[in-house]
Protein backbone atom coordinates (compact mmCIF):
# COMPACT_ATOMS: atom_id res chain seq x y z
CA MET A 1 0.00 0.00 0.00
CA ASP A 2 1.32 3.43 -0.95
CA THR A 3 0.72 5.57 2.12
CA SER A 4 2.14 8.80 0.65
CA SER A 5 -1.26 10.06 -0.51
CA LEU A 6 -2.70 9.68 3.01
CA ILE A 7 0.24 10.36 5.33
CA ASP A 8 2.73 13.20 5.32
CA THR A 9 5.18 14.90 7.66
CA ARG A 10 5.15 18.67 8.03
CA ALA A 11 7.60 20.73 10.03
CA GLY A 12 5.76 22.57 12.77
CA VAL A 13 2.75 20.24 12.79
CA ARG A 14 2.65 17.88 15.76
CA SER A 15 6.43 18.15 16.14
CA GLY A 16 7.01 16.76 12.66
CA LYS A 17 5.33 13.43 13.38
CA PRO A 18 3.64 11.67 10.45
CA CYS A 19 0.03 12.91 10.19
CA PHE A 20 -2.88 12.11 7.95
CA VAL A 21 -3.02 14.59 5.09
CA GLY A 22 -5.24 17.57 5.89
CA THR A 23 -5.42 16.75 9.61
CA ARG A 24 -3.34 17.05 12.76
CA ILE A 25 -4.08 13.41 13.66
CA THR A 26 -0.86 11.43 13.87
CA VAL A 27 -0.34 7.88 12.69
CA TYR A 28 0.88 7.12 16.21
CA ASP A 29 -2.41 8.34 17.69
CA VAL A 30 -4.33 5.84 15.57
CA LEU A 31 -1.90 3.03 16.32
CA GLU A 32 -2.22 3.71 20.05
CA TYR A 33 -6.03 3.70 19.80
CA LEU A 34 -5.90 0.35 18.02
CA ALA A 35 -3.45 -1.03 20.58
CA SER A 36 -5.73 0.08 23.41
CA GLY A 37 -8.56 -1.99 21.95
CA MET A 38 -10.54 0.53 19.93
CA SER A 39 -11.95 -0.84 16.71
CA SER A 40 -11.47 0.84 13.34
CA GLU A 41 -15.15 1.75 13.38
CA GLU A 42 -14.83 3.44 16.78
CA ILE A 43 -11.85 5.48 15.60
CA VAL A 44 -13.67 6.59 12.45
CA ASP A 45 -16.73 7.47 14.55
CA ASP A 46 -14.58 9.59 16.89
CA PHE A 47 -12.62 11.20 14.02
CA PRO A 48 -14.99 11.62 11.06
CA GLU A 49 -12.21 13.09 8.92
CA LEU A 50 -10.66 9.60 8.87
CA THR A 51 -11.82 6.57 6.92
CA GLU A 52 -11.13 2.85 7.10
CA GLN A 53 -8.48 3.49 4.43
CA HIS A 54 -6.65 5.79 6.86
CA ILE A 55 -6.64 3.05 9.49
CA ARG A 56 -5.20 0.56 7.00
CA ALA A 57 -2.60 3.17 5.96
CA ALA A 58 -1.53 3.56 9.61
CA LEU A 59 -1.01 -0.19 9.89
CA ALA A 60 0.87 -0.31 6.59
CA PHE A 61 3.04 2.63 7.70
CA ALA A 62 3.93 0.81 10.92
CA ALA A 63 4.72 -2.40 9.04
CA ILE A 64 6.98 -0.57 6.58
CA ARG A 65 8.79 1.20 9.39
CA GLU A 66 9.24 -2.08 11.29
CA ARG A 67 10.71 -3.76 8.21
CA ARG A 68 13.22 -0.92 7.88
CA LEU A 69 14.25 -1.31 11.53
CA VAL A 70 14.99 -5.02 11.22
CA ALA A 71 16.48 -4.98 7.71
CA PRO A 72 20.20 -5.74 7.62
CA ALA A 73 22.36 -2.72 6.87
């Protein structure tokens, strides 16, 4: 999944953390909500500017970042 159309990093917005385009909601916020037990539907209900596609993009973003961390140099 190409996350670049849904996630970007902007200096001065949420300390440069990756956010969903057009929002101040960070990828990490969504990942923490999921980890705490919230469902995708609950997150989308609480943040109507997000869609199920945003939730999937957050998971893909985390998976890509994890692969980079464990990849041999």
